[in-house]
């Protein structure tokens, strides 16, 4: 049986940081959640995501949080 991967509704990027917005539909309607990650390549050259951020990442997270909030507001109103 094939496993279907859940993909984000959208992914926003700022510098080396990304924000993924996830759409979940349930009994109470559509809900959105946002995750933040810093992609990097491991020693084997495979892409991984880190949830650890340095001081230089924080401005990008602030920008992405505002963009994610606006994206969710725009799409929740539909």
C-alpha atoms as a PDB file:
ATOM      1  CA  UNK A   1       0.000   0.000   0.000  1.00  0.00           C
ATOM      2  CA  UNK A   2       1.435   3.373  -1.009  1.00  0.00           C
ATOM      3  CA  UNK A   3       1.808   6.085   1.587  1.00  0.00           C
ATOM      4  CA  UNK A   4       0.577   9.502   0.558  1.00  0.00           C
ATOM      5  CA  UNK A   5       2.671  12.318   1.970  1.00  0.00           C
ATOM      6  CA  UNK A   6       0.836  15.271   3.396  1.00  0.00           C
ATOM      7  CA  UNK A   7       2.093  18.387   1.595  1.00  0.00           C
ATOM      8  CA  UNK A   8       1.834  21.950   2.860  1.00  0.00           C
ATOM      9  CA  UNK A   9      -0.785  24.273   1.381  1.00  0.00           C
ATOM     10  CA  UNK A  10       2.087  26.660   0.653  1.00  0.00           C
ATOM     11  CA  UNK A  11       5.689  27.299   1.612  1.00  0.00           C
ATOM     12  CA  UNK A  12       7.079  30.789   2.120  1.00  0.00           C
ATOM     13  CA  UNK A  13      10.802  31.598   2.121  1.00  0.00           C
ATOM     14  CA  UNK A  14      12.964  34.394   3.472  1.00  0.00           C
ATOM     15  CA  UNK A  15      16.728  34.067   3.372  1.00  0.00           C
ATOM     16  CA  UNK A  16      17.640  30.572   4.507  1.00  0.00           C
ATOM     17  CA  UNK A  17      14.405  30.011   6.446  1.00  0.00           C
ATOM     18  CA  UNK A  18      11.116  28.534   5.256  1.00  0.00           C
ATOM     19  CA  UNK A  19       7.616  28.593   6.694  1.00  0.00           C
ATOM     20  CA  UNK A  20       5.246  25.811   5.680  1.00  0.00           C
ATOM     21  CA  UNK A  21       1.530  26.396   6.107  1.00  0.00           C
ATOM     22  CA  UNK A  22      -0.494  23.239   6.676  1.00  0.00           C
ATOM     23  CA  UNK A  23      -4.225  22.951   6.032  1.00  0.00           C
ATOM     24  CA  UNK A  24      -6.244  20.560   8.174  1.00  0.00           C
ATOM     25  CA  UNK A  25      -9.947  19.970   7.679  1.00  0.00           C
ATOM     26  CA  UNK A  26     -12.027  18.646  10.539  1.00  0.00           C
ATOM     27  CA  UNK A  27     -15.442  18.826  12.116  1.00  0.00           C
ATOM     28  CA  UNK A  28     -14.918  22.489  12.987  1.00  0.00           C
ATOM     29  CA  UNK A  29     -13.893  23.442   9.456  1.00  0.00           C
ATOM     30  CA  UNK A  30     -10.499  24.272   7.997  1.00  0.00           C
ATOM     31  CA  UNK A  31      -7.631  25.046  10.357  1.00  0.00           C
ATOM     32  CA  UNK A  32      -4.147  26.236   9.437  1.00  0.00           C
ATOM     33  CA  UNK A  33      -0.848  25.635  11.235  1.00  0.00           C
ATOM     34  CA  UNK A  34       2.603  26.956  10.429  1.00  0.00           C
ATOM     35  CA  UNK A  35       5.990  25.318  10.915  1.00  0.00           C
ATOM     36  CA  UNK A  36       9.367  27.010  10.524  1.00  0.00           C
ATOM     37  CA  UNK A  37      12.544  25.282   9.387  1.00  0.00           C
ATOM     38  CA  UNK A  38      16.114  25.981   8.357  1.00  0.00           C
ATOM     39  CA  UNK A  39      17.034  23.584   5.515  1.00  0.00           C
ATOM     40  CA  UNK A  40      20.593  22.246   5.394  1.00  0.00           C
ATOM     41  CA  UNK A  41      22.548  19.444   3.717  1.00  0.00           C
ATOM     42  CA  UNK A  42      23.905  16.724   5.972  1.00  0.00           C
ATOM     43  CA  UNK A  43      27.314  15.037   5.623  1.00  0.00           C
ATOM     44  CA  UNK A  44      25.904  12.678   2.968  1.00  0.00           C
ATOM     45  CA  UNK A  45      24.488  15.568   0.909  1.00  0.00           C
ATOM     46  CA  UNK A  46      20.858  14.871   1.851  1.00  0.00           C
ATOM     47  CA  UNK A  47      18.530  17.796   2.574  1.00  0.00           C
ATOM     48  CA  UNK A  48      17.291  17.968   6.171  1.00  0.00           C
ATOM     49  CA  UNK A  49      15.325  20.553   8.161  1.00  0.00           C
ATOM     50  CA  UNK A  50      16.433  22.000  11.456  1.00  0.00           C
ATOM     51  CA  UNK A  51      14.083  23.580  13.976  1.00  0.00           C
ATOM     52  CA  UNK A  52      17.010  25.311  15.682  1.00  0.00           C
ATOM     53  CA  UNK A  53      17.595  28.943  14.786  1.00  0.00           C
ATOM     54  CA  UNK A  54      20.462  31.319  15.435  1.00  0.00           C
ATOM     55  CA  UNK A  55      20.224  35.045  16.109  1.00  0.00           C
ATOM     56  CA  UNK A  56      20.675  35.839  12.417  1.00  0.00           C
ATOM     57  CA  UNK A  57      17.593  33.702  11.569  1.00  0.00           C
ATOM     58  CA  UNK A  58      15.196  35.539  13.856  1.00  0.00           C
ATOM     59  CA  UNK A  59      14.483  38.474  11.534  1.00  0.00           C
ATOM     60  CA  UNK A  60      13.539  36.056   8.750  1.00  0.00           C
ATOM     61  CA  UNK A  61      11.216  34.195  11.132  1.00  0.00           C
ATOM     62  CA  UNK A  62       9.555  37.491  12.064  1.00  0.00           C
ATOM     63  CA  UNK A  63       9.007  38.363   8.395  1.00  0.00           C
ATOM     64  CA  UNK A  64       7.705  34.871   7.607  1.00  0.00           C
ATOM     65  CA  UNK A  65       5.366  34.864  10.608  1.00  0.00           C
ATOM     66  CA  UNK A  66       3.733  38.075   9.362  1.00  0.00           C
ATOM     67  CA  UNK A  67       3.482  36.699   5.811  1.00  0.00           C
ATOM     68  CA  UNK A  68       2.022  33.413   7.082  1.00  0.00           C
ATOM     69  CA  UNK A  69      -0.533  35.266   9.188  1.00  0.00           C
ATOM     70  CA  UNK A  70      -1.629  37.264   6.134  1.00  0.00           C
ATOM     71  CA  UNK A  71      -1.736  34.184   3.869  1.00  0.00           C
ATOM     72  CA  UNK A  72      -3.915  32.338   6.395  1.00  0.00           C
ATOM     73  CA  UNK A  73      -6.230  35.337   6.809  1.00  0.00           C
ATOM     74  CA  UNK A  74      -6.611  35.621   3.028  1.00  0.00           C
ATOM     75  CA  UNK A  75      -7.375  31.915   2.585  1.00  0.00           C
ATOM     76  CA  UNK A  76      -9.528  31.448   5.678  1.00  0.00           C
ATOM     77  CA  UNK A  77     -11.874  34.159   4.371  1.00  0.00           C
ATOM     78  CA  UNK A  78     -12.621  32.130   1.210  1.00  0.00           C
END
